[in-house]
C-alpha atoms as a PDB file:
ATOM      1  CA  MET A   1     252.956 146.266-104.530  1.00  0.00           C
ATOM      2  CA  LYS A   2     256.603 145.324-104.834  1.00  0.00           C
ATOM      3  CA  LYS A   3     258.852 147.474-106.996  1.00  0.00           C
ATOM      4  CA  PHE A   4     262.042 145.555-107.714  1.00  0.00           C
ATOM      5  CA  LEU A   5     265.305 147.473-107.867  1.00  0.00           C
ATOM      6  CA  LEU A   6     267.306 144.414-108.890  1.00  0.00           C
ATOM      7  CA  PRO A   7     265.542 142.151-111.399  1.00  0.00           C
ATOM      8  CA  GLU A   8     263.769 139.001-110.265  1.00  0.00           C
ATOM      9  CA  ASN A   9     263.571 135.703-112.134  1.00  0.00           C
ATOM     10  CA  VAL A  10     266.975 136.074-113.754  1.00  0.00           C
ATOM     11  CA  ASN A  11     270.281 134.251-113.559  1.00  0.00           C
ATOM     12  CA  TRP A  12     273.205 136.025-111.926  1.00  0.00           C
ATOM     13  CA  TYR A  13     276.539 135.937-113.728  1.00  0.00           C
ATOM     14  CA  ARG A  14     279.869 136.859-112.165  1.00  0.00           C
ATOM     15  CA  ALA A  15     281.970 139.084-114.423  1.00  0.00           C
ATOM     16  CA  ASN A  16     285.424 140.640-114.483  1.00  0.00           C
ATOM     17  CA  MET A  17     284.955 143.941-116.324  1.00  0.00           C
ATOM     18  CA  HIS A  18     288.658 144.895-116.509  1.00  0.00           C
ATOM     19  CA  CYS A  19     291.248 142.459-117.852  1.00  0.00           C
ATOM     20  CA  HIS A  20     294.519 142.431-119.826  1.00  0.00           C
ATOM     21  CA  THR A  21     296.044 139.644-121.899  1.00  0.00           C
ATOM     22  CA  THR A  22     299.033 139.011-124.155  1.00  0.00           C
ATOM     23  CA  HIS A  23     297.368 141.284-126.725  1.00  0.00           C
ATOM     24  CA  SER A  24     298.718 144.227-124.686  1.00  0.00           C
ATOM     25  CA  ASP A  25     300.701 144.013-121.440  1.00  0.00           C
ATOM     26  CA  GLY A  26     299.102 140.973-119.785  1.00  0.00           C
ATOM     27  CA  GLN A  27     300.991 137.711-119.347  1.00  0.00           C
ATOM     28  CA  MET A  28     298.215 135.204-120.130  1.00  0.00           C
ATOM     29  CA  THR A  29     296.370 134.525-123.369  1.00  0.00           C
ATOM     30  CA  PRO A  30     292.614 135.140-123.660  1.00  0.00           C
ATOM     31  CA  GLN A  31     292.023 131.367-123.531  1.00  0.00           C
ATOM     32  CA  GLU A  32     294.170 131.021-120.403  1.00  0.00           C
ATOM     33  CA  ILE A  33     292.214 133.867-118.778  1.00  0.00           C
ATOM     34  CA  LYS A  34     288.938 132.176-119.663  1.00  0.00           C
ATOM     35  CA  ASP A  35     290.072 128.877-118.133  1.00  0.00           C
ATOM     36  CA  LEU A  36     291.417 130.590-115.006  1.00  0.00           C
ATOM     37  CA  TYR A  37     288.295 132.626-114.294  1.00  0.00           C
ATOM     38  CA  MET A  38     285.843 129.845-115.099  1.00  0.00           C
ATOM     39  CA  SER A  39     287.633 127.717-112.501  1.00  0.00           C
ATOM     40  CA  LYS A  40     286.499 130.327-109.937  1.00  0.00           C
ATOM     41  CA  GLY A  41     282.899 130.398-111.087  1.00  0.00           C
ATOM     42  CA  TYR A  42     283.033 133.370-113.456  1.00  0.00           C
ATOM     43  CA  SER A  43     280.868 133.435-116.572  1.00  0.00           C
ATOM     44  CA  ILE A  44     281.893 136.732-118.203  1.00  0.00           C
ATOM     45  CA  ILE A  45     285.171 138.456-119.038  1.00  0.00           C
ATOM     46  CA  ALA A  46     285.494 141.887-120.640  1.00  0.00           C
ATOM     47  CA  TYR A  47     288.808 141.608-122.496  1.00  0.00           C
ATOM     48  CA  SER A  48     289.860 145.243-122.124  1.00  0.00           C
ATOM     49  CA  ASP A  49     293.387 145.229-123.524  1.00  0.00           C
ATOM     50  CA  HIS A  50     295.126 148.586-123.840  1.00  0.00           C
ATOM     51  CA  GLU A  51     294.205 150.503-126.984  1.00  0.00           C
ATOM     52  CA  ILE A  52     293.237 147.489-129.111  1.00  0.00           C
ATOM     53  CA  LEU A  53     289.626 146.447-129.586  1.00  0.00           C
ATOM     54  CA  LEU A  54     289.374 142.765-130.556  1.00  0.00           C
ATOM     55  CA  ASP A  55     286.405 140.457-131.055  1.00  0.00           C
ATOM     56  CA  HIS A  56     286.825 137.389-128.832  1.00  0.00           C
ATOM     57  CA  SER A  57     283.476 135.821-129.724  1.00  0.00           C
ATOM     58  CA  ASP A  58     285.268 132.588-130.587  1.00  0.00           C
ATOM     59  CA  LEU A  59     285.738 132.064-126.833  1.00  0.00           C
ATOM     60  CA  SER A  60     282.038 132.410-126.023  1.00  0.00           C
ATOM     61  CA  ASP A  61     279.938 129.309-125.428  1.00  0.00           C
ATOM     62  CA  GLU A  62     276.897 128.284-123.383  1.00  0.00           C
ATOM     63  CA  ASN A  63     278.842 128.766-120.133  1.00  0.00           C
ATOM     64  CA  PHE A  64     281.068 131.723-120.979  1.00  0.00           C
ATOM     65  CA  LEU A  65     280.710 135.144-122.585  1.00  0.00           C
ATOM     66  CA  ALA A  66     283.520 137.356-123.886  1.00  0.00           C
ATOM     67  CA  ILE A  67     282.671 141.069-123.977  1.00  0.00           C
ATOM     68  CA  THR A  68     284.349 143.092-126.714  1.00  0.00           C
ATOM     69  CA  SER A  69     286.110 145.908-124.895  1.00  0.00           C
ATOM     70  CA  CYS A  70     289.221 148.027-124.703  1.00  0.00           C
ATOM     71  CA  GLU A  71     291.001 150.378-122.283  1.00  0.00           C
ATOM     72  CA  TYR A  72     291.697 153.867-123.609  1.00  0.00           C
ATOM     73  CA  SER A  73     294.192 156.228-122.011  1.00  0.00           C
ATOM     74  CA  VAL A  74     295.389 159.800-122.344  1.00  0.00           C
ATOM     75  CA  THR A  75     298.163 161.325-120.233  1.00  0.00           C
ATOM     76  CA  GLU A  76     299.144 164.907-119.532  1.00  0.00           C
ATOM     77  CA  SER A  77     302.774 164.050-120.395  1.00  0.00           C
ATOM     78  CA  ASP A  78     303.814 162.549-123.742  1.00  0.00           C
ATOM     79  CA  PRO A  79     301.215 159.806-124.445  1.00  0.00           C
ATOM     80  CA  SER A  80     303.336 158.250-127.201  1.00  0.00           C
ATOM     81  CA  LEU A  81     305.871 156.845-124.732  1.00  0.00           C
ATOM     82  CA  PRO A  82     305.482 153.387-123.235  1.00  0.00           C
ATOM     83  CA  GLN A  83     304.848 153.713-119.507  1.00  0.00           C
ATOM     84  CA  ILE A  84     308.030 151.887-118.518  1.00  0.00           C
ATOM     85  CA  LEU A  85     310.242 154.370-120.397  1.00  0.00           C
ATOM     86  CA  ASP A  86     308.788 157.282-118.479  1.00  0.00           C
ATOM     87  CA  VAL A  87     309.504 155.974-114.983  1.00  0.00           C
ATOM     88  CA  ASP A  88     313.133 157.064-114.626  1.00  0.00           C
ATOM     89  CA  THR A  89     312.453 160.607-115.848  1.00  0.00           C
ATOM     90  CA  GLY A  90     309.845 161.183-113.161  1.00  0.00           C
ATOM     91  CA  ARG A  91     307.249 162.284-115.698  1.00  0.00           C
ATOM     92  CA  TRP A  92     305.163 159.121-115.749  1.00  0.00           C
ATOM     93  CA  PRO A  93     304.844 158.608-111.962  1.00  0.00           C
ATOM     94  CA  ARG A  94     303.676 162.214-111.537  1.00  0.00           C
ATOM     95  CA  ALA A  95     301.575 162.633-114.685  1.00  0.00           C
ATOM     96  CA  LYS A  96     297.799 162.686-114.439  1.00  0.00           C
ATOM     97  CA  CYS A  97     295.891 160.521-116.868  1.00  0.00           C
ATOM     98  CA  TYR A  98     292.449 159.297-117.753  1.00  0.00           C
ATOM     99  CA  HIS A  99     291.754 155.623-118.374  1.00  0.00           C
ATOM    100  CA  PHE A 100     288.383 154.601-119.799  1.00  0.00           C
ATOM    101  CA  ASN A 101     287.093 151.115-120.515  1.00  0.00           C
ATOM    102  CA  ILE A 102     284.738 150.977-123.475  1.00  0.00           C
ATOM    103  CA  PHE A 103     282.305 148.066-123.901  1.00  0.00           C
ATOM    104  CA  ALA A 104     280.779 147.317-127.302  1.00  0.00           C
ATOM    105  CA  LYS A 105     277.023 146.780-127.428  1.00  0.00           C
ATOM    106  CA  ASP A 106     277.626 144.728-130.581  1.00  0.00           C
ATOM    107  CA  PRO A 107     280.281 142.025-130.054  1.00  0.00           C
ATOM    108  CA  HIS A 108     281.569 142.430-133.616  1.00  0.00           C
ATOM    109  CA  ASN A 109     282.015 146.209-133.428  1.00  0.00           C
ATOM    110  CA  THR A 110     285.782 146.690-133.456  1.00  0.00           C
ATOM    111  CA  PHE A 111     285.898 150.176-134.994  1.00  0.00           C
ATOM    112  CA  GLN A 112     287.779 152.364-132.528  1.00  0.00           C
ATOM    113  CA  PRO A 113     286.443 155.892-132.100  1.00  0.00           C
ATOM    114  CA  ALA A 114     288.619 158.624-130.579  1.00  0.00           C
ATOM    115  CA  THR A 115     291.770 156.820-131.691  1.00  0.00           C
ATOM    116  CA  SER A 116     294.871 157.634-133.713  1.00  0.00           C
ATOM    117  CA  ILE A 117     297.206 154.741-134.492  1.00  0.00           C
ATOM    118  CA  ASP A 118     300.200 157.065-134.259  1.00  0.00           C
ATOM    119  CA  GLN A 119     299.417 158.136-130.690  1.00  0.00           C
ATOM    120  CA  HIS A 120     299.605 154.890-128.718  1.00  0.00           C
ATOM    121  CA  TRP A 121     302.408 152.417-128.210  1.00  0.00           C
ATOM    122  CA  VAL A 122     300.333 149.223-128.388  1.00  0.00           C
ATOM    123  CA  LEU A 123     298.830 150.195-131.728  1.00  0.00           C
ATOM    124  CA  LYS A 124     302.033 151.508-133.303  1.00  0.00           C
ATOM    125  CA  ASP A 125     304.095 148.520-132.260  1.00  0.00           C
ATOM    126  CA  ARG A 126     301.707 145.650-132.875  1.00  0.00           C
ATOM    127  CA  TYR A 127     298.339 146.460-134.398  1.00  0.00           C
ATOM    128  CA  LYS A 128     298.769 149.202-136.988  1.00  0.00           C
ATOM    129  CA  ASP A 129     297.385 146.904-139.707  1.00  0.00           C
ATOM    130  CA  VAL A 130     294.451 145.683-137.597  1.00  0.00           C
ATOM    131  CA  CYS A 131     292.999 148.777-135.955  1.00  0.00           C
ATOM    132  CA  LYS A 132     290.342 150.775-137.789  1.00  0.00           C
ATOM    133  CA  CYS A 133     289.828 154.165-136.214  1.00  0.00           C
ATOM    134  CA  ASP A 134     288.771 157.771-136.791  1.00  0.00           C
ATOM    135  CA  GLY A 135     292.228 159.321-136.365  1.00  0.00           C
ATOM    136  CA  MET A 136     291.479 161.499-133.335  1.00  0.00           C
ATOM    137  CA  MET A 137     294.522 162.641-131.368  1.00  0.00           C
ATOM    138  CA  ARG A 138     293.552 162.541-127.691  1.00  0.00           C
ATOM    139  CA  GLU A 139     294.216 165.489-125.408  1.00  0.00           C
ATOM    140  CA  TYR A 140     294.497 165.402-121.626  1.00  0.00           C
ATOM    141  CA  SER A 141     291.854 167.815-120.359  1.00  0.00           C
ATOM    142  CA  VAL A 142     288.272 167.578-119.170  1.00  0.00           C
ATOM    143  CA  GLU A 143     287.165 168.759-122.606  1.00  0.00           C
ATOM    144  CA  GLY A 144     289.392 166.190-124.292  1.00  0.00           C
ATOM    145  CA  ALA A 145     288.053 163.415-122.065  1.00  0.00           C
ATOM    146  CA  ASN A 146     284.478 164.429-122.808  1.00  0.00           C
ATOM    147  CA  GLU A 147     285.193 164.275-126.534  1.00  0.00           C
ATOM    148  CA  ILE A 148     286.522 160.725-126.129  1.00  0.00           C
ATOM    149  CA  ILE A 149     283.403 159.743-124.182  1.00  0.00           C
ATOM    150  CA  ARG A 150     281.081 161.411-126.692  1.00  0.00           C
ATOM    151  CA  ARG A 151     282.629 159.670-129.694  1.00  0.00           C
ATOM    152  CA  CYS A 152     282.562 156.303-127.961  1.00  0.00           C
ATOM    153  CA  ASN A 153     278.914 156.679-126.957  1.00  0.00           C
ATOM    154  CA  GLU A 154     277.932 157.644-130.508  1.00  0.00           C
ATOM    155  CA  ALA A 155     279.812 154.619-131.874  1.00  0.00           C
ATOM    156  CA  GLY A 156     277.839 152.177-129.693  1.00  0.00           C
ATOM    157  CA  PHE A 157     279.943 151.763-126.560  1.00  0.00           C
ATOM    158  CA  LEU A 158     279.340 152.046-122.833  1.00  0.00           C
ATOM    159  CA  VAL A 159     282.131 154.069-121.213  1.00  0.00           C
ATOM    160  CA  GLN A 160     283.554 153.371-117.761  1.00  0.00           C
ATOM    161  CA  TYR A 161     285.886 155.672-115.807  1.00  0.00           C
ATOM    162  CA  ASN A 162     288.712 153.604-114.280  1.00  0.00           C
ATOM    163  CA  HIS A 163     290.851 153.817-111.115  1.00  0.00           C
ATOM    164  CA  PRO A 164     290.776 157.582-110.341  1.00  0.00           C
ATOM    165  CA  TYR A 165     293.332 157.300-107.514  1.00  0.00           C
ATOM    166  CA  TRP A 166     295.987 155.586-109.635  1.00  0.00           C
ATOM    167  CA  SER A 167     295.251 158.148-112.365  1.00  0.00           C
ATOM    168  CA  LEU A 168     296.105 160.932-109.861  1.00  0.00           C
ATOM    169  CA  ASN A 169     292.756 162.521-110.616  1.00  0.00           C
ATOM    170  CA  GLU A 170     291.473 165.249-108.368  1.00  0.00           C
ATOM    171  CA  ARG A 171     287.926 166.492-108.045  1.00  0.00           C
ATOM    172  CA  GLU A 172     288.430 169.034-110.810  1.00  0.00           C
ATOM    173  CA  ASP A 173     289.365 166.187-113.157  1.00  0.00           C
ATOM    174  CA  TYR A 174     286.205 164.119-112.749  1.00  0.00           C
ATOM    175  CA  ILE A 175     283.347 166.316-111.556  1.00  0.00           C
ATOM    176  CA  ASN A 176     282.555 167.705-115.042  1.00  0.00           C
ATOM    177  CA  LEU A 177     282.895 164.506-117.052  1.00  0.00           C
ATOM    178  CA  LYS A 178     279.818 163.847-119.176  1.00  0.00           C
ATOM    179  CA  GLY A 179     278.299 160.750-120.765  1.00  0.00           C
ATOM    180  CA  LEU A 180     279.871 158.134-118.511  1.00  0.00           C
ATOM    181  CA  TRP A 181     278.052 154.843-117.992  1.00  0.00           C
ATOM    182  CA  ALA A 182     279.905 153.765-114.820  1.00  0.00           C
ATOM    183  CA  LEU A 183     282.697 154.444-112.341  1.00  0.00           C
ATOM    184  CA  GLU A 184     285.012 151.607-111.320  1.00  0.00           C
ATOM    185  CA  ILE A 185     284.723 151.938-107.529  1.00  0.00           C
ATOM    186  CA  LEU A 186     287.176 149.100-106.881  1.00  0.00           C
ATOM    187  CA  ASN A 187     290.160 148.309-109.061  1.00  0.00           C
ATOM    188  CA  TYR A 188     291.506 145.224-107.325  1.00  0.00           C
ATOM    189  CA  SER A 189     295.055 145.322-108.713  1.00  0.00           C
ATOM    190  CA  THR A 190     295.721 148.942-107.829  1.00  0.00           C
ATOM    191  CA  GLU A 191     293.968 148.519-104.477  1.00  0.00           C
ATOM    192  CA  LEU A 192     296.468 145.765-103.650  1.00  0.00           C
ATOM    193  CA  GLU A 193     299.339 147.990-104.751  1.00  0.00           C
ATOM    194  CA  THR A 194     298.228 151.325-103.255  1.00  0.00           C
ATOM    195  CA  GLY A 195     295.605 150.561-100.605  1.00  0.00           C
ATOM    196  CA  SER A 196     293.602 153.493-101.967  1.00  0.00           C
ATOM    197  CA  GLU A 197     291.579 152.341-104.973  1.00  0.00           C
ATOM    198  CA  TYR A 198     288.302 151.519-103.219  1.00  0.00           C
ATOM    199  CA  CYS A 199     286.452 154.762-103.877  1.00  0.00           C
ATOM    200  CA  PRO A 200     282.664 154.761-103.299  1.00  0.00           C
ATOM    201  CA  TYR A 201     283.110 158.293-101.920  1.00  0.00           C
ATOM    202  CA  ILE A 202     284.081 159.495-105.397  1.00  0.00           C
ATOM    203  CA  TYR A 203     280.991 157.781-106.787  1.00  0.00           C
ATOM    204  CA  ASP A 204     278.815 159.610-104.235  1.00  0.00           C
ATOM    205  CA  ASP A 205     280.488 162.915-105.078  1.00  0.00           C
ATOM    206  CA  MET A 206     279.857 162.452-108.787  1.00  0.00           C
ATOM    207  CA  VAL A 207     276.206 161.544-108.267  1.00  0.00           C
ATOM    208  CA  ARG A 208     275.662 164.363-105.779  1.00  0.00           C
ATOM    209  CA  HIS A 209     276.885 166.853-108.365  1.00  0.00           C
ATOM    210  CA  GLY A 210     274.627 165.803-111.203  1.00  0.00           C
ATOM    211  CA  MET A 211     275.725 162.446-112.659  1.00  0.00           C
ATOM    212  CA  TYR A 212     272.358 160.930-111.843  1.00  0.00           C
ATOM    213  CA  ASN A 213     272.548 158.016-114.291  1.00  0.00           C
ATOM    214  CA  LEU A 214     276.023 156.867-113.259  1.00  0.00           C
ATOM    215  CA  PHE A 215     276.443 153.223-112.270  1.00  0.00           C
ATOM    216  CA  CYS A 216     279.301 151.577-110.338  1.00  0.00           C
ATOM    217  CA  THR A 217     281.349 148.465-111.051  1.00  0.00           C
ATOM    218  CA  MET A 218     284.320 146.542-109.685  1.00  0.00           C
ATOM    219  CA  GLY A 219     287.054 144.845-111.694  1.00  0.00           C
ATOM    220  CA  ASP A 220     290.423 143.168-111.321  1.00  0.00           C
ATOM    221  CA  ASP A 221     292.587 144.980-113.898  1.00  0.00           C
ATOM    222  CA  ASN A 222     294.621 141.786-113.887  1.00  0.00           C
ATOM    223  CA  HIS A 223     297.853 141.487-115.871  1.00  0.00           C
ATOM    224  CA  ASN A 224     298.866 138.120-114.340  1.00  0.00           C
ATOM    225  CA  PRO A 225     302.633 138.708-113.904  1.00  0.00           C
ATOM    226  CA  GLY A 226     304.461 135.403-114.021  1.00  0.00           C
ATOM    227  CA  LYS A 227     301.135 133.841-115.041  1.00  0.00           C
ATOM    228  CA  THR A 228     299.993 133.936-111.416  1.00  0.00           C
ATOM    229  CA  ASP A 229     296.493 134.752-110.177  1.00  0.00           C
ATOM    230  CA  ARG A 230     297.670 137.141-107.462  1.00  0.00           C
ATOM    231  CA  TYR A 231     295.707 140.083-108.863  1.00  0.00           C
ATOM    232  CA  CYS A 232     292.587 138.110-109.756  1.00  0.00           C
ATOM    233  CA  PHE A 233     289.078 137.522-108.397  1.00  0.00           C
ATOM    234  CA  GLY A 234     288.938 140.457-105.962  1.00  0.00           C
ATOM    235  CA  GLY A 235     286.512 142.770-107.765  1.00  0.00           C
ATOM    236  CA  SER A 236     283.409 141.371-109.435  1.00  0.00           C
ATOM    237  CA  THR A 237     280.383 142.761-111.224  1.00  0.00           C
ATOM    238  CA  ILE A 238     277.332 140.521-110.817  1.00  0.00           C
ATOM    239  CA  ILE A 239     274.970 140.805-113.780  1.00  0.00           C
ATOM    240  CA  GLY A 240     271.321 139.721-113.886  1.00  0.00           C
ATOM    241  CA  ALA A 241     270.049 138.327-117.199  1.00  0.00           C
ATOM    242  CA  LYS A 242     267.742 135.541-118.260  1.00  0.00           C
ATOM    243  CA  GLU A 243     270.391 133.970-120.461  1.00  0.00           C
ATOM    244  CA  LEU A 244     274.132 134.198-120.940  1.00  0.00           C
ATOM    245  CA  GLU A 245     273.711 135.895-124.306  1.00  0.00           C
ATOM    246  CA  TYR A 246     275.549 139.003-125.500  1.00  0.00           C
ATOM    247  CA  SER A 247     272.609 141.317-126.192  1.00  0.00           C
ATOM    248  CA  GLN A 248     270.860 140.356-122.945  1.00  0.00           C
ATOM    249  CA  VAL A 249     273.983 140.933-120.857  1.00  0.00           C
ATOM    250  CA  MET A 250     274.725 144.277-122.496  1.00  0.00           C
ATOM    251  CA  ASP A 251     271.092 145.340-122.074  1.00  0.00           C
ATOM    252  CA  ALA A 252     271.313 144.479-118.359  1.00  0.00           C
ATOM    253  CA  LEU A 253     274.517 146.499-118.039  1.00  0.00           C
ATOM    254  CA  GLU A 254     273.027 149.482-119.845  1.00  0.00           C
ATOM    255  CA  LYS A 255     269.924 149.412-117.609  1.00  0.00           C
ATOM    256  CA  GLY A 256     271.881 148.938-114.364  1.00  0.00           C
ATOM    257  CA  GLU A 257     270.573 145.445-113.664  1.00  0.00           C
ATOM    258  CA  PHE A 258     273.659 144.422-111.758  1.00  0.00           C
ATOM    259  CA  TYR A 259     275.584 145.054-108.556  1.00  0.00           C
ATOM    260  CA  CYS A 260     279.272 144.819-107.705  1.00  0.00           C
ATOM    261  CA  ALA A 261     281.084 142.939-104.946  1.00  0.00           C
ATOM    262  CA  SER A 262     284.568 142.523-103.490  1.00  0.00           C
ATOM    263  CA  GLY A 263     286.035 139.289-102.169  1.00  0.00           C
ATOM    264  CA  ILE A 264     287.784 136.354-103.791  1.00  0.00           C
ATOM    265  CA  ASP A 265     285.547 133.522-102.587  1.00  0.00           C
ATOM    266  CA  ASN A 266     281.815 133.910-101.964  1.00  0.00           C
ATOM    267  CA  PRO A 267     281.620 137.720-102.001  1.00  0.00           C
ATOM    268  CA  PRO A 268     278.551 139.301-100.371  1.00  0.00           C
ATOM    269  CA  ALA A 269     275.444 138.805-102.490  1.00  0.00           C
ATOM    270  CA  PHE A 270     272.053 140.419-102.904  1.00  0.00           C
ATOM    271  CA  LYS A 271     269.240 137.874-103.059  1.00  0.00           C
ATOM    272  CA  ALA A 272     266.430 140.403-103.550  1.00  0.00           C
ATOM    273  CA  LEU A 273     266.069 144.172-103.436  1.00  0.00           C
ATOM    274  CA  TYR A 274     262.673 145.848-103.670  1.00  0.00           C
ATOM    275  CA  VAL A 275     260.412 148.581-102.287  1.00  0.00           C
ATOM    276  CA  GLU A 276     257.073 147.594-100.752  1.00  0.00           C
ATOM    277  CA  ASP A 277     254.714 149.996 -98.958  1.00  0.00           C
ATOM    278  CA  ASN A 278     257.428 152.662 -98.989  1.00  0.00           C
ATOM    279  CA  VAL A 279     259.905 150.354 -97.262  1.00  0.00           C
ATOM    280  CA  ILE A 280     263.171 149.268 -98.857  1.00  0.00           C
ATOM    281  CA  LYS A 281     263.603 145.534 -98.282  1.00  0.00           C
ATOM    282  CA  ILE A 282     266.859 143.657 -98.731  1.00  0.00           C
ATOM    283  CA  ASP A 283     267.513 139.907 -98.754  1.00  0.00           C
ATOM    284  CA  CYS A 284     271.181 138.987 -98.837  1.00  0.00           C
ATOM    285  CA  SER A 285     273.854 136.453 -98.008  1.00  0.00           C
ATOM    286  CA  PRO A 286     274.926 136.500 -94.322  1.00  0.00           C
ATOM    287  CA  CYS A 287     276.438 139.913 -93.507  1.00  0.00           C
ATOM    288  CA  THR A 288     277.564 141.894 -90.498  1.00  0.00           C
ATOM    289  CA  SER A 289     276.094 145.181 -91.711  1.00  0.00           C
ATOM    290  CA  VAL A 290     273.579 146.462 -94.216  1.00  0.00           C
ATOM    291  CA  ILE A 291     273.905 150.169 -94.965  1.00  0.00           C
ATOM    292  CA  LEU A 292     271.551 152.571 -96.709  1.00  0.00           C
ATOM    293  CA  ASN A 293     273.373 155.595 -98.127  1.00  0.00           C
ATOM    294  CA  GLY A 294     271.391 158.676 -99.173  1.00  0.00           C
ATOM    295  CA  TYR A 295     271.987 162.276-100.119  1.00  0.00           C
ATOM    296  CA  GLY A 296     274.412 163.903 -97.679  1.00  0.00           C
ATOM    297  CA  ARG A 297     274.528 162.413 -94.158  1.00  0.00           C
ATOM    298  CA  CYS A 298     271.479 160.209 -94.678  1.00  0.00           C
ATOM    299  CA  ASP A 299     273.232 156.970 -93.815  1.00  0.00           C
ATOM    300  CA  ARG A 300     271.382 154.295 -91.852  1.00  0.00           C
ATOM    301  CA  ASN A 301     272.538 150.810 -90.965  1.00  0.00           C
ATOM    302  CA  ILE A 302     271.717 147.522 -89.318  1.00  0.00           C
ATOM    303  CA  LEU A 303     274.591 145.813 -87.514  1.00  0.00           C
ATOM    304  CA  GLY A 304     274.791 142.261 -86.256  1.00  0.00           C
ATOM    305  CA  GLU A 305     275.893 138.746 -87.087  1.00  0.00           C
ATOM    306  CA  ASN A 306     274.612 136.748 -90.045  1.00  0.00           C
ATOM    307  CA  ILE A 307     272.087 139.369 -91.168  1.00  0.00           C
ATOM    308  CA  THR A 308     270.110 138.034 -94.132  1.00  0.00           C
ATOM    309  CA  HIS A 309     267.240 140.557 -94.221  1.00  0.00           C
ATOM    310  CA  ALA A 310     267.029 144.292 -93.624  1.00  0.00           C
ATOM    311  CA  GLU A 311     264.370 146.980 -94.009  1.00  0.00           C
ATOM    312  CA  PHE A 312     264.514 150.772 -94.116  1.00  0.00           C
ATOM    313  CA  PRO A 313     261.592 153.209 -94.459  1.00  0.00           C
ATOM    314  CA  LEU A 314     261.804 155.181 -97.675  1.00  0.00           C
ATOM    315  CA  ARG A 315     262.182 158.899 -96.883  1.00  0.00           C
ATOM    316  CA  GLU A 316     261.750 161.723 -99.358  1.00  0.00           C
ATOM    317  CA  SER A 317     264.574 163.593 -97.608  1.00  0.00           C
ATOM    318  CA  ASP A 318     267.029 160.881 -98.727  1.00  0.00           C
ATOM    319  CA  VAL A 319     266.518 162.108-102.342  1.00  0.00           C
ATOM    320  CA  TYR A 320     268.343 159.042-103.602  1.00  0.00           C
ATOM    321  CA  PHE A 321     269.814 155.922-102.040  1.00  0.00           C
ATOM    322  CA  ARG A 322     272.118 153.005-102.619  1.00  0.00           C
ATOM    323  CA  VAL A 323     272.623 149.857-100.549  1.00  0.00           C
ATOM    324  CA  THR A 324     275.900 148.461 -99.221  1.00  0.00           C
ATOM    325  CA  LEU A 325     276.504 145.017 -97.727  1.00  0.00           C
ATOM    326  CA  ARG A 326     279.554 144.172 -95.621  1.00  0.00           C
ATOM    327  CA  ASP A 327     280.438 140.660 -94.492  1.00  0.00           C
ATOM    328  CA  GLY A 328     282.573 139.319 -91.654  1.00  0.00           C
ATOM    329  CA  LYS A 329     285.670 139.221 -93.894  1.00  0.00           C
ATOM    330  CA  GLY A 330     285.461 142.945 -94.649  1.00  0.00           C
ATOM    331  CA  ASN A 331     284.178 142.467 -98.188  1.00  0.00           C
ATOM    332  CA  TYR A 332     281.535 144.733 -99.718  1.00  0.00           C
ATOM    333  CA  ALA A 333     278.677 144.607-102.193  1.00  0.00           C
ATOM    334  CA  HIS A 334     277.186 147.774-103.672  1.00  0.00           C
ATOM    335  CA  THR A 335     274.174 148.734-105.703  1.00  0.00           C
ATOM    336  CA  HIS A 336     274.130 151.847-107.806  1.00  0.00           C
ATOM    337  CA  THR A 337     272.017 154.892-106.925  1.00  0.00           C
ATOM    338  CA  TYR A 338     268.214 154.844-107.090  1.00  0.00           C
ATOM    339  CA  PHE A 339     265.996 157.916-106.792  1.00  0.00           C
ATOM    340  CA  VAL A 340     263.315 158.041-104.106  1.00  0.00           C
ATOM    341  CA  LYS A 341     260.797 159.765-106.395  1.00  0.00           C
ATOM    342  CA  ASP A 342     260.754 156.705-108.657  1.00  0.00           C
ATOM    343  CA  TYR A 343     259.715 154.339-105.847  1.00  0.00           C
ATOM    344  CA  ILE A 344     257.783 156.232-103.172  1.00  0.00           C
ATOM    345  CA  GLU A 345     253.981 156.084-103.126  1.00  0.00           C
ATOM    346  CA  LYS A 346     252.083 159.096-101.820  1.00  0.00           C
END
């Protein structure tokens, strides 16, 4: 009997789960972003402007879905200062921070938990009469981050941990976070700028140390300077749902019925992923390697040209596994972690 890890009989929708517009520090309007991304085959944008949670349902139609989202931040230096004012002092470039994207399960939920209008520059300057919040002053610490995550979860949001390299986070900063939905394993903009923001190894470390329900995504974090698309289309999250409808898409995200992929045009794609007779079977777009990652040094791979099918015996010693595709252009696709005990037949 086949046990499907990625859903069958669904449509697959390409999404950018990290995006900024003129509502914070982006250079394009939400409508311009919609038009730009739809021209590249995208169906979903999470409009995650800094600190302000806005309902963009007016942009949604039968071919496009706007996810209500926001990017929260807290910095170990003075969080009330705009980033640009901190550069010359040396505090901002050296200050650790946490950035979390929150995604509303209800598109019309714009109440902002874990937020004080007085603490953040976007809110104080532009949205003090729009934002409804609980007045929490954020604190940079693991405990403070966990309180942000807790409040957001209780208020009906999925919480994603963004770009740990750019945030200067070390292991001590992320290993005890609790209640996260996903880690952004590729932030395309900061990867272009730093060469260091592709971080599946951090995802593995977090899972290995107890974050068993953690998923992984990729996003662009595009700000579109000069209204260009230079920082666009490099990190996608591919979501499986029967229809392009808000509750179905959010349900798929919450259940992990998606994978993520890098690459501007035609990123690597999973066609099917299932376990049959204790063998993991993968159908995919043409790739040069298919990799099975498990607990510790349990990595196995198939190398070649134009690989479209791969199989690996399921081993109890793997404990858990995830699958990675790599194509001839050096682009990747990743699943999240699955546990062997849920799929092996004895």
